[in-house]
Structures are given as C-alpha cells and as structure tokens.
Protein backbone atom coordinates (compact mmCIF):
# COMPACT_ATOMS: atom_id res chain seq x y z
CA UNK A 1 6.57 -20.27 -4.45
CA UNK A 2 8.68 -22.92 -2.81
CA UNK A 3 9.67 -24.43 0.21
CA UNK A 4 12.43 -26.72 0.41
CA UNK A 5 14.80 -28.34 2.90
CA UNK A 6 18.17 -29.69 2.06
CA UNK A 7 19.67 -32.09 4.07
CA UNK A 8 23.63 -32.41 4.70
CA UNK A 9 24.98 -35.46 6.44
CA UNK A 10 28.63 -34.57 8.05
CA UNK A 11 30.09 -36.89 10.61
CA UNK A 12 26.93 -38.67 11.50
CA UNK A 13 25.02 -35.34 12.06
CA UNK A 14 22.38 -33.84 10.20
CA UNK A 15 22.22 -30.46 9.28
CA UNK A 16 19.03 -28.99 7.61
CA UNK A 17 18.77 -26.09 5.67
CA UNK A 18 16.05 -24.20 5.19
CA UNK A 19 15.08 -22.26 1.72
CA UNK A 20 12.15 -20.28 2.47
CA UNK A 21 10.20 -18.28 -0.58
CA UNK A 22 7.43 -16.20 -0.01
CA UNK A 23 4.23 -16.54 -1.69
CA UNK A 24 2.93 -13.35 -2.92
CA UNK A 25 -0.85 -13.15 -2.05
CA UNK A 26 -3.03 -11.24 -3.99
CA UNK A 27 -5.75 -9.31 -2.18
CA UNK A 28 -8.93 -8.28 -3.27
CA UNK A 29 -9.03 -4.36 -3.44
CA UNK A 30 -11.98 -2.04 -2.40
CA UNK A 31 -12.03 1.55 -3.31
CA UNK A 32 -14.17 3.63 -1.30
CA UNK A 33 -15.21 6.81 -2.69
CA UNK A 34 -15.59 8.46 0.97
CA UNK A 35 -18.59 11.03 0.53
CA UNK A 36 -22.33 10.74 -0.46
CA UNK A 37 -22.61 13.61 -2.53
CA UNK A 38 -23.62 13.14 -6.22
CA UNK A 39 -21.07 13.96 -9.20
CA UNK A 40 -18.05 14.29 -6.82
CA UNK A 41 -14.36 15.12 -7.58
CA UNK A 42 -13.85 11.95 -4.99
CA UNK A 43 -15.61 9.86 -7.20
CA UNK A 44 -13.86 10.74 -10.05
CA UNK A 45 -10.57 10.32 -8.28
CA UNK A 46 -11.75 6.90 -7.31
CA UNK A 47 -12.63 6.22 -10.76
CA UNK A 48 -8.94 7.09 -11.61
CA UNK A 49 -7.71 4.56 -9.32
CA UNK A 50 -10.00 1.95 -9.99
CA UNK A 51 -8.59 1.83 -13.56
CA UNK A 52 -4.94 1.92 -12.54
CA UNK A 53 -5.50 -0.88 -10.60
CA UNK A 54 -7.51 -2.87 -13.49
CA UNK A 55 -4.62 -1.50 -16.07
CA UNK A 56 -2.48 -4.35 -13.40
CA UNK A 57 -5.36 -7.05 -13.17
CA UNK A 58 -5.76 -6.67 -9.97
CA UNK A 59 -8.88 -7.79 -8.39
CA UNK A 60 -10.39 -4.54 -7.26
CA UNK A 61 -14.14 -3.05 -6.70
CA UNK A 62 -15.35 0.32 -6.25
CA UNK A 63 -17.79 1.35 -3.73
CA UNK A 64 -19.23 4.87 -3.80
CA UNK A 65 -21.04 5.78 -0.45
CA UNK A 66 -23.56 7.43 -2.59
CA UNK A 67 -25.05 4.36 -2.45
CA UNK A 68 -24.89 4.27 1.30
CA UNK A 69 -28.38 5.06 1.91
CA UNK A 70 -28.68 4.11 5.96
CA UNK A 71 -27.57 5.52 9.25
CA UNK A 72 -27.85 2.30 11.24
CA UNK A 73 -27.19 -1.36 11.08
CA UNK A 74 -29.77 -3.08 8.90
CA UNK A 75 -29.83 -5.93 6.25
CA UNK A 76 -28.31 -3.58 3.30
CA UNK A 77 -25.31 -3.32 5.73
CA UNK A 78 -25.05 -7.00 6.52
CA UNK A 79 -25.10 -8.00 2.97
CA UNK A 80 -22.94 -5.10 1.82
CA UNK A 81 -20.26 -6.90 4.37
CA UNK A 82 -20.99 -10.31 3.17
CA UNK A 83 -20.23 -9.36 -0.45
CA UNK A 84 -17.71 -6.89 -0.35
CA UNK A 85 -16.11 -5.44 2.96
CA UNK A 86 -15.48 -8.88 4.66
CA UNK A 87 -13.80 -10.54 1.81
CA UNK A 88 -11.48 -7.40 1.01
CA UNK A 89 -7.74 -7.67 2.12
CA UNK A 90 -7.04 -4.26 1.30
CA UNK A 91 -9.17 -1.05 0.81
CA UNK A 92 -8.45 2.64 -0.56
CA UNK A 93 -10.25 5.33 1.15
CA UNK A 94 -10.87 8.62 -0.97
CA UNK A 95 -11.46 10.98 1.19
CA UNK A 96 -12.23 14.86 0.85
CA UNK A 97 -12.06 17.53 3.14
CA UNK A 98 -15.13 18.57 4.77
CA UNK A 99 -15.04 21.06 7.40
CA UNK A 100 -11.31 20.30 8.15
CA UNK A 101 -11.36 16.58 8.29
CA UNK A 102 -13.57 13.54 6.43
CA UNK A 103 -17.14 13.49 6.00
CA UNK A 104 -19.13 12.07 8.39
CA UNK A 105 -20.76 9.11 6.15
CA UNK A 106 -17.18 7.71 5.86
CA UNK A 107 -17.27 7.24 9.61
CA UNK A 108 -21.03 6.05 9.98
CA UNK A 109 -20.01 3.21 7.85
CA UNK A 110 -17.18 2.32 10.07
CA UNK A 111 -19.75 2.47 13.09
CA UNK A 112 -22.39 0.38 11.75
CA UNK A 113 -20.21 -2.39 10.08
CA UNK A 114 -18.92 -5.48 12.44
CA UNK A 115 -15.38 -4.20 12.96
CA UNK A 116 -13.59 -7.54 13.87
CA UNK A 117 -14.90 -8.67 10.36
CA UNK A 118 -14.91 -5.81 8.43
CA UNK A 119 -11.85 -3.99 9.60
CA UNK A 120 -9.33 -5.74 11.80
CA UNK A 121 -5.73 -6.55 10.36
CA UNK A 122 -6.38 -5.47 7.18
CA UNK A 123 -4.37 -3.15 5.15
CA UNK A 124 -5.40 0.35 3.82
CA UNK A 125 -4.42 3.38 1.80
CA UNK A 126 -5.53 6.75 2.41
CA UNK A 127 -5.89 9.88 -0.27
CA UNK A 128 -6.84 12.94 0.71
CA UNK A 129 -8.78 15.72 -1.46
CA UNK A 130 -9.02 19.54 -0.95
CA UNK A 131 -9.95 22.57 -3.08
CA UNK A 132 -7.87 24.16 -0.93
CA UNK A 133 -3.79 23.81 0.24
CA UNK A 134 -3.64 21.16 2.35
CA UNK A 135 -5.27 18.08 0.59
CA UNK A 136 -6.96 17.16 3.60
CA UNK A 137 -3.82 16.60 5.87
CA UNK A 138 -5.78 17.08 8.69
CA UNK A 139 -8.81 14.49 7.87
CA UNK A 140 -5.98 11.88 6.75
CA UNK A 141 -4.48 12.47 10.35
CA UNK A 142 -8.10 12.01 12.11
CA UNK A 143 -8.89 8.69 10.07
CA UNK A 144 -5.03 7.63 10.71
CA UNK A 145 -6.12 7.46 14.11
CA UNK A 146 -9.24 6.08 13.69
CA UNK A 147 -8.03 3.14 11.68
CA UNK A 148 -5.26 2.17 14.13
CA UNK A 149 -7.69 2.03 16.61
CA UNK A 150 -9.64 -0.31 14.41
CA UNK A 151 -6.24 -2.28 14.25
CA UNK A 152 -5.69 -1.71 10.69
CA UNK A 153 -2.66 -1.29 9.05
CA UNK A 154 -2.32 1.81 7.46
CA UNK A 155 0.29 2.54 4.73
CA UNK A 156 2.70 5.07 5.04
CA UNK A 157 2.11 7.17 1.91
CA UNK A 158 -0.80 9.05 2.50
CA UNK A 159 -1.09 11.13 -0.34
CA UNK A 160 -3.15 14.66 -0.16
CA UNK A 161 -4.02 16.25 -3.36
CA UNK A 162 -4.59 19.68 -2.92
CA UNK A 163 -6.75 21.97 -5.36
CA UNK A 164 -8.43 19.11 -6.74
CA UNK A 165 -10.34 21.52 -9.02
CA UNK A 166 -7.58 22.95 -10.76
CA UNK A 167 -5.99 19.24 -10.74
CA UNK A 168 -8.37 17.54 -12.80
CA UNK A 169 -10.63 18.54 -15.70
CA UNK A 170 -14.59 18.43 -15.82
CA UNK A 171 -14.08 14.49 -16.41
CA UNK A 172 -11.85 13.75 -13.87
CA UNK A 173 -8.71 13.33 -15.84
CA UNK A 174 -5.80 14.80 -14.23
CA UNK A 175 -4.10 17.68 -15.86
CA UNK A 176 -0.88 17.44 -13.70
CA UNK A 177 1.67 14.81 -15.10
CA UNK A 178 3.33 14.77 -11.56
CA UNK A 179 0.08 13.87 -9.63
CA UNK A 180 -0.48 11.31 -11.88
CA UNK A 181 2.58 9.48 -11.53
CA UNK A 182 2.47 10.01 -7.91
CA UNK A 183 -0.67 8.22 -7.93
CA UNK A 184 0.75 5.29 -9.90
CA UNK A 185 3.67 5.04 -7.74
CA UNK A 186 1.54 4.99 -4.62
CA UNK A 187 -0.69 2.25 -6.01
CA UNK A 188 2.39 0.27 -7.16
CA UNK A 189 3.92 0.47 -3.44
CA UNK A 190 0.78 -0.28 -2.00
CA UNK A 191 0.62 -3.26 -4.18
CA UNK A 192 3.58 -4.30 -2.53
CA UNK A 193 2.65 -3.79 0.63
C-alpha cells in the first residue's frame, strides 16, 4: 500500500525514518475434498467452504478427489499441477475419517505430484470430519506431520467436526449454527494468515 522514507536533517546529519506498510497479498485458494467416494458428506462440507469464500469475493477453486482417476503420475496429474496446484497459494483440505486417519487417495495426491512446485512453503487449513465423536483428530494430526515434512505452513485452527451426519441435512446444510459460525470464523482467520 505504501512505502515512504522521510528524511530529516539535523546538524549536518541525515536521519531516515522508514514507514512500512504491507500490501495484503490475495492468494488463490483451492479446497480439496479429501475422498473419492461419490456423493460424500466431505464434498458437501467442501461446497459450504467454497460458498463462504465466494461470498467474500476470494479467488477459490474446489477440487474433488472423485476426479482423481490415477494411482501414478501421468499427463492428467501434470495438467492438474499446471492448472490448479502450482498457482494455488493456500489450500483447504476437508478430510473424512477413514480407519482412524484420512483417506489414502489424499496421500496418493501428495505422493504423485511434484512436491516442490505444488506444496512447499504454501499455507494450508485442515478440517476433519467423522461420524463419531473425534472429528478425525488423529487424521488431522497425521496430515499435519506429513504437511510439515512437505514444508507447508499449517494453520493452527484445525477444525474437527464430529457426528457429521447429525450436523448436516441431506443437502449438506449445517443444522447447528455454532458449527456454521465456527467454520466462518476459521475461514476469516485463515484469510488473514
């Protein structure tokens, strides 16, 4: 926004006082729905995050792992990197609990992409989902360790959403206003991160 230096001359000496104002960088955000299961609650929650970010006029994309049709690096993955993963400055992972952690297909995405170009030094927000009481806390911690290894900056406010089938209706609308408000607060804080 501004960068200005003021010069003062006193008794033959020049003092420079710097006024530093930081520009707010707007990053493209990509939300990744962390499962390849069709018609999942994970995708519904990811769509809620997407709508919240669109309301704030933030450049946002939603990628569902339903679209990931490979277990190895190929031209489709290279194109995904070029079009979406490399240009993204911030990510949001919505991760369901599978067998006490997160889905393997999400780990495959990390493994088959160029980690230096796609993931290093980027910011990420994590949200866990579970039908049980933990909200995928263990999966959030597992993923945090992996992302730290990939030199990513994991936002501290990881939101575990428990009893997801009671929290949302069939269309994916949140029934509990506290959960909605928690998500909105998490998003607004992440935008400042």
